[in-house]
Amino acid sequence: MPRRLIALLLGLCAAAGCGVRSEGRAVPETGPSPEASARTVERAEAVQAFELLGQLDDAWRDRDCAAVDQLTAWAENTLGGRACEATRNGRPAPTRQEYADPEFFLPAPAGEDRWFAALAREPRPAYFLFVHEDGRWRLAAGPIPAEGDGAPEPTGGAVPSDDPSTGVKARLVPQRYLTYLTDPAGVSGVSFPKGDVAAELLAELGRRPETVRPDRLGTDVRLLVGPQRALLLPAGGALVIHALEIEYRQRPGPGRSSLAHPIYGRDDLRGFTGSVKAPELTGTEIVLLVTEVTGKGKTSTVAARRGLASLTAD
């Protein structure tokens, strides 16, 4: 047999194993491949990630902004950036309750996008969103306290907004808020129930400029960029976790060089700007939302939280 053919056969035999076990190679086990397992979020992993809340509380208490940055992502990272730095200038750090009795909602394996949602029932129902970024779990949103006495009971796991069964409804939810809040005349036809967080926010946006006169107040509402997540509900419904960004721009009235009625208090002004007086202000708030969308497409807010992310004295 020619030498080249022998060499080729030996090479193929080595690649296939040919019944010879190498001392340095483990025998593969049956079940999911390591790659598939890496994409699946197991409950034990979620339990461990939920314990990051304690570390985050310690970081806020110690004003360790580097740790806050490492433990957060998306909305919570935006809320923890300049806001954490402001606590070093005397602004009170947020007081966070110790949440317990969580139920976890785990998505099916889907690419490299690893995340899960949680509903903690003690001391009061609140939703959380965790994402896996840069090799570690981070808190992306939460707590988002439920409105009223209870929280809707999801019936299944968590799904991304591109899920074929609920994806369209999930993707439309944030846009409905944006349309509603930027359409005070109601021309678009988008509506929310009376007393809903969205309805109260719309009323505030319309009322607030009058409360600061003679100052002038401008407002801009935007979607906080990021993929929406959904938890399945009965009858084709879903809970959608998303966020809005509201920017306020306050300027002195005609003939004035300073603000008459700053919309933010002295602690916020001192923490973010270093002074209790400012000729002009630009503040950015983040509104975290959990919205119920029914199988017929009706929407209502079931959980919300709002925080000041940045404040500048222009």
Protein backbone atom coordinates (compact mmCIF):
# COMPACT_ATOMS: atom_id res chain seq x y z
CA MET A 1 0.00 0.00 0.00
CA PRO A 2 1.47 3.42 -0.89
CA ARG A 3 2.86 5.43 2.02
CA ARG A 4 0.58 8.41 1.34
CA LEU A 5 -2.51 6.19 1.50
CA ILE A 6 -1.31 4.59 4.74
CA ALA A 7 -0.73 8.03 6.27
CA LEU A 8 -4.18 9.15 5.21
CA LEU A 9 -5.85 6.08 6.74
CA LEU A 10 -3.90 6.53 9.97
CA GLY A 11 -4.99 10.15 10.15
CA LEU A 12 -8.65 9.27 9.65
CA CYS A 13 -8.39 6.53 12.24
CA ALA A 14 -6.87 8.94 14.78
CA ALA A 15 -9.61 11.50 14.18
CA ALA A 16 -12.36 8.92 14.62
CA GLY A 17 -10.73 7.23 17.62
CA CYS A 18 -10.80 3.69 16.12
CA GLY A 19 -11.48 2.25 19.57
CA VAL A 20 -8.31 3.76 21.10
CA ARG A 21 -8.87 5.96 24.19
CA SER A 22 -6.52 8.82 24.81
CA GLU A 23 -5.40 9.29 28.42
CA GLY A 24 -6.22 13.02 28.30
CA ARG A 25 -9.73 12.83 26.81
CA ALA A 26 -12.90 12.26 28.82
CA VAL A 27 -15.60 10.00 27.51
CA PRO A 28 -18.55 12.23 26.46
CA GLU A 29 -21.74 11.79 28.47
CA THR A 30 -25.20 11.51 27.02
CA GLY A 31 -27.53 14.52 27.19
CA PRO A 32 -27.30 18.11 25.98
CA SER A 33 -24.04 19.28 24.51
CA PRO A 34 -21.96 21.77 26.54
CA GLU A 35 -22.89 24.46 24.02
CA ALA A 36 -26.61 23.78 24.43
CA SER A 37 -26.28 23.62 28.22
CA ALA A 38 -24.51 26.98 28.26
CA ARG A 39 -27.53 28.56 26.60
CA THR A 40 -30.04 27.16 29.07
CA VAL A 41 -30.73 29.00 32.31
CA GLU A 42 -31.23 26.48 35.11
CA ARG A 43 -33.23 27.27 38.24
CA ALA A 44 -30.19 26.82 40.49
CA GLU A 45 -28.39 29.44 38.43
CA ALA A 46 -31.32 31.82 38.77
CA VAL A 47 -31.42 31.32 42.53
CA GLN A 48 -27.74 32.21 42.76
CA ALA A 49 -28.17 35.26 40.52
CA PHE A 50 -31.06 36.51 42.66
CA GLU A 51 -28.67 36.68 45.60
CA LEU A 52 -26.85 39.50 43.79
CA LEU A 53 -29.52 41.81 45.20
CA GLY A 54 -27.80 41.67 48.57
CA GLN A 55 -24.46 42.55 47.02
CA LEU A 56 -26.07 45.44 45.16
CA ASP A 57 -27.63 46.75 48.37
CA ASP A 58 -24.19 46.66 50.02
CA ALA A 59 -22.66 48.50 47.07
CA TRP A 60 -25.25 51.28 47.27
CA ARG A 61 -24.82 51.56 51.03
CA ASP A 62 -21.03 51.79 50.66
CA ARG A 63 -21.37 54.16 47.69
CA ASP A 64 -19.22 51.74 45.71
CA CYS A 65 -20.18 52.94 42.24
CA ALA A 66 -17.76 50.57 40.48
CA ALA A 67 -19.55 47.61 42.09
CA VAL A 68 -22.96 49.07 41.21
CA ASP A 69 -21.81 49.31 37.60
CA GLN A 70 -20.60 45.69 37.57
CA LEU A 71 -23.79 44.33 39.11
CA THR A 72 -26.25 46.14 36.85
CA ALA A 73 -27.23 46.38 33.20
CA TRP A 74 -29.75 48.20 30.99
CA ALA A 75 -32.20 50.30 33.06
CA GLU A 76 -30.59 49.68 36.45
CA ASN A 77 -27.19 50.59 35.06
CA THR A 78 -28.61 53.86 33.75
CA LEU A 79 -30.19 54.53 37.15
CA GLY A 80 -26.96 53.63 38.93
CA GLY A 81 -24.45 55.71 36.98
CA ARG A 82 -24.55 59.40 37.85
CA ALA A 83 -27.13 58.72 40.55
CA CYS A 84 -24.58 56.65 42.46
CA GLU A 85 -21.94 59.35 42.06
CA ALA A 86 -24.47 61.86 43.43
CA THR A 87 -24.67 59.92 46.71
CA ARG A 88 -21.03 60.81 47.28
CA ASN A 89 -22.10 64.47 47.29
CA GLY A 90 -24.67 63.93 50.01
CA ARG A 91 -27.68 62.67 48.05
CA PRO A 92 -29.28 59.84 50.06
CA ALA A 93 -28.64 56.36 48.67
CA PRO A 94 -31.81 54.47 47.73
CA THR A 95 -33.31 52.36 50.49
CA ARG A 96 -34.06 48.90 49.18
CA GLN A 97 -36.22 46.29 50.84
CA GLU A 98 -34.99 42.73 51.28
CA TYR A 99 -37.01 40.69 48.79
CA ALA A 100 -37.71 37.00 49.30
CA ASP A 101 -39.89 34.10 48.18
CA PRO A 102 -39.09 34.53 44.47
CA GLU A 103 -40.62 32.58 41.61
CA PHE A 104 -38.44 32.27 38.54
CA PHE A 105 -39.53 32.39 34.89
CA LEU A 106 -36.88 30.87 32.65
CA PRO A 107 -36.77 31.21 28.87
CA ALA A 108 -36.20 28.30 26.56
CA PRO A 109 -32.70 28.07 25.04
CA ALA A 110 -32.32 30.86 22.48
CA GLY A 111 -28.93 31.77 21.04
CA GLU A 112 -26.52 33.62 23.27
CA ASP A 113 -29.22 35.79 24.87
CA ARG A 114 -29.33 34.48 28.44
CA TRP A 115 -31.80 36.06 30.86
CA PHE A 116 -34.66 35.32 33.23
CA ALA A 117 -37.40 37.13 35.13
CA ALA A 118 -38.41 36.77 38.77
CA LEU A 119 -41.46 37.67 40.83
CA ALA A 120 -40.65 38.12 44.52
CA ARG A 121 -43.70 37.93 46.79
CA GLU A 122 -42.19 39.26 50.03
CA PRO A 123 -42.42 41.85 51.50
CA ARG A 124 -44.71 42.85 48.59
CA PRO A 125 -44.90 41.56 45.02
CA ALA A 126 -42.20 42.96 42.75
CA TYR A 127 -40.75 41.96 39.39
CA PHE A 128 -37.07 41.63 38.46
CA LEU A 129 -35.18 41.08 35.22
CA PHE A 130 -31.69 39.57 35.16
CA VAL A 131 -29.40 39.34 32.13
CA HIS A 132 -26.07 37.60 31.54
CA GLU A 133 -23.55 40.09 30.15
CA ASP A 134 -19.75 40.06 29.95
CA GLY A 135 -19.51 36.72 31.68
CA ARG A 136 -21.66 37.48 34.72
CA TRP A 137 -25.25 37.91 35.85
CA ARG A 138 -26.48 41.47 36.29
CA LEU A 139 -29.70 43.09 37.43
CA ALA A 140 -31.31 44.78 34.43
CA ALA A 141 -34.55 45.95 36.04
CA GLY A 142 -35.99 45.72 39.51
CA PRO A 143 -37.54 45.90 41.88
CA ILE A 144 -40.64 46.97 39.95
CA PRO A 145 -43.36 46.92 42.64
CA ALA A 146 -46.77 45.66 41.63
CA GLU A 147 -49.64 48.12 41.69
CA GLY A 148 -52.41 47.33 44.17
CA ASP A 149 -52.48 44.30 46.40
CA GLY A 150 -51.35 41.57 44.02
CA ALA A 151 -49.54 40.68 40.84
CA PRO A 152 -50.80 38.77 37.79
CA GLU A 153 -49.88 35.09 37.87
CA PRO A 154 -47.86 34.05 34.81
CA THR A 155 -48.77 30.57 33.58
CA GLY A 156 -45.60 29.75 31.68
CA GLY A 157 -42.02 30.71 31.19
CA ALA A 158 -40.40 33.82 29.78
CA VAL A 159 -40.20 34.66 26.09
CA PRO A 160 -38.33 37.30 24.09
CA SER A 161 -40.23 39.88 22.07
CA ASP A 162 -39.57 37.98 18.83
CA ASP A 163 -41.51 34.94 20.06
CA PRO A 164 -44.01 34.07 17.29
CA SER A 165 -46.98 33.68 19.65
CA THR A 166 -46.63 36.81 21.79
CA GLY A 167 -43.88 38.74 20.08
CA VAL A 168 -46.01 41.16 18.07
CA LYS A 169 -48.05 42.19 21.09
CA ALA A 170 -44.91 42.50 23.23
CA ARG A 171 -43.12 44.70 20.72
CA LEU A 172 -46.10 47.04 20.40
CA VAL A 173 -46.52 47.68 24.13
CA PRO A 174 -43.69 50.25 24.61
CA GLN A 175 -44.75 52.08 21.44
CA ARG A 176 -48.30 52.34 22.79
CA TYR A 177 -47.00 54.14 25.87
CA LEU A 178 -44.89 56.48 23.77
CA THR A 179 -47.83 57.28 21.48
CA TYR A 180 -50.16 57.81 24.42
CA LEU A 181 -47.82 60.07 26.39
CA THR A 182 -46.97 62.26 23.40
CA ASP A 183 -50.60 62.61 22.25
CA PRO A 184 -52.42 64.60 24.96
CA ALA A 185 -55.36 65.25 22.61
CA GLY A 186 -55.96 61.50 22.24
CA VAL A 187 -56.03 61.64 18.45
CA SER A 188 -54.22 58.30 18.12
CA GLY A 189 -56.98 56.39 19.91
CA VAL A 190 -54.54 54.72 22.33
CA SER A 191 -56.02 54.60 25.82
CA PHE A 192 -55.32 53.24 29.31
CA PRO A 193 -57.78 52.55 32.15
CA LYS A 194 -58.64 55.37 34.56
CA GLY A 195 -56.14 55.43 37.42
CA ASP A 196 -53.51 53.57 35.40
CA VAL A 197 -49.89 54.68 35.90
CA ALA A 198 -49.79 55.76 32.26
CA ALA A 199 -52.91 57.91 32.67
CA GLU A 200 -51.51 59.53 35.81
CA LEU A 201 -48.20 60.20 34.06
CA LEU A 202 -49.96 61.83 31.12
CA ALA A 203 -51.88 64.08 33.52
CA GLU A 204 -48.63 65.02 35.26
CA LEU A 205 -46.91 65.87 31.99
CA GLY A 206 -49.77 68.24 31.15
CA ARG A 207 -50.01 69.77 34.62
CA ARG A 208 -46.36 70.19 35.57
CA PRO A 209 -45.51 73.21 33.34
CA GLU A 210 -48.23 75.22 35.09
CA THR A 211 -46.80 74.45 38.54
CA VAL A 212 -43.38 75.99 37.78
CA ARG A 213 -44.46 79.27 36.18
CA PRO A 214 -42.92 81.74 35.48
CA ASP A 215 -40.27 79.12 34.65
CA ARG A 216 -40.60 77.34 31.34
CA LEU A 217 -40.63 73.54 31.26
CA GLY A 218 -40.14 71.34 28.21
CA THR A 219 -40.59 67.57 28.16
CA ASP A 220 -39.39 64.76 25.92
CA VAL A 221 -40.53 61.13 26.28
CA ARG A 222 -38.45 58.34 24.74
CA LEU A 223 -38.21 54.57 24.83
CA LEU A 224 -35.25 53.23 26.78
CA VAL A 225 -33.46 51.18 24.15
CA GLY A 226 -33.34 47.46 24.85
CA PRO A 227 -35.16 44.23 24.01
CA GLN A 228 -38.50 43.71 25.72
CA ARG A 229 -39.14 40.57 27.74
CA ALA A 230 -42.47 38.89 28.29
CA LEU A 231 -44.03 36.42 30.74
CA LEU A 232 -46.88 34.28 29.45
CA LEU A 233 -50.41 34.73 30.83
CA PRO A 234 -53.59 32.71 30.27
CA ALA A 235 -55.66 33.12 27.09
CA GLY A 236 -52.77 34.34 24.98
CA GLY A 237 -51.86 37.28 27.21
CA ALA A 238 -48.45 38.36 28.45
CA LEU A 239 -46.64 40.60 30.91
CA VAL A 240 -44.10 42.84 29.18
CA ILE A 241 -41.09 44.33 31.00
CA HIS A 242 -39.92 47.60 29.42
CA ALA A 243 -38.89 51.17 30.29
CA LEU A 244 -39.36 54.80 29.32
CA GLU A 245 -37.04 57.78 29.56
CA ILE A 246 -38.48 61.22 30.41
CA GLU A 247 -36.35 64.34 30.02
CA TYR A 248 -37.36 67.62 31.67
CA ARG A 249 -35.75 70.91 30.58
CA GLN A 250 -36.46 73.81 32.96
CA ARG A 251 -35.50 77.38 32.02
CA PRO A 252 -36.09 80.74 33.77
CA GLY A 253 -38.98 82.87 32.61
CA PRO A 254 -38.56 86.13 30.70
CA GLY A 255 -36.43 88.67 32.54
CA ARG A 256 -35.14 86.19 35.11
CA SER A 257 -31.65 84.76 35.58
CA SER A 258 -32.55 81.91 37.96
CA LEU A 259 -35.31 79.38 38.43
CA ALA A 260 -38.27 80.34 40.56
CA HIS A 261 -39.54 76.79 41.23
CA PRO A 262 -36.95 74.05 40.55
CA ILE A 263 -38.73 70.75 39.99
CA TYR A 264 -36.04 68.85 41.90
CA GLY A 265 -35.16 69.24 45.57
CA ARG A 266 -32.01 70.47 47.28
CA ASP A 267 -30.59 66.98 47.88
CA ASP A 268 -30.89 66.13 44.20
CA LEU A 269 -29.44 69.48 43.12
CA ARG A 270 -26.49 69.25 45.50
CA GLY A 271 -25.80 65.60 44.71
CA PHE A 272 -25.89 65.87 40.94
CA THR A 273 -24.68 69.44 40.37
CA GLY A 274 -22.72 70.32 43.52
CA SER A 275 -24.94 73.33 44.21
CA VAL A 276 -28.44 74.00 45.52
CA LYS A 277 -28.96 76.71 42.92
CA ALA A 278 -28.93 76.36 39.15
CA PRO A 279 -29.70 78.83 36.35
CA GLU A 280 -31.22 76.02 34.26
CA LEU A 281 -31.89 72.32 34.75
CA THR A 282 -32.08 69.20 32.60
CA GLY A 283 -33.24 66.07 34.40
CA THR A 284 -33.67 62.56 33.03
CA GLU A 285 -35.95 60.07 34.76
CA ILE A 286 -36.36 56.36 34.04
CA VAL A 287 -39.78 54.75 34.38
CA LEU A 288 -39.65 50.94 34.71
CA LEU A 289 -42.88 49.23 33.72
CA VAL A 290 -44.52 45.82 33.71
CA THR A 291 -47.53 45.87 31.42
CA GLU A 292 -50.28 43.33 30.99
CA VAL A 293 -51.43 42.80 27.42
CA THR A 294 -54.42 40.53 26.98
CA GLY A 295 -54.99 38.07 24.18
CA LYS A 296 -57.21 40.73 22.57
CA GLY A 297 -54.49 43.37 22.78
CA LYS A 298 -55.76 45.52 25.68
CA THR A 299 -53.00 46.98 27.84
CA SER A 300 -52.74 48.08 31.47
CA THR A 301 -49.85 48.80 33.82
CA VAL A 302 -49.45 46.26 36.63
CA ALA A 303 -46.11 47.38 38.11
CA ALA A 304 -44.02 50.54 37.95
CA ARG A 305 -41.01 52.29 39.44
CA ARG A 306 -39.54 55.69 38.67
CA GLY A 307 -36.11 57.14 39.41
CA LEU A 308 -33.92 60.13 38.60
CA ALA A 309 -30.97 59.02 36.46
CA SER A 310 -29.20 62.34 35.80
CA LEU A 311 -29.51 66.05 36.51
CA THR A 312 -27.38 68.81 35.03
CA ALA A 313 -27.28 72.55 35.64
CA ASP A 314 -26.95 73.92 32.13
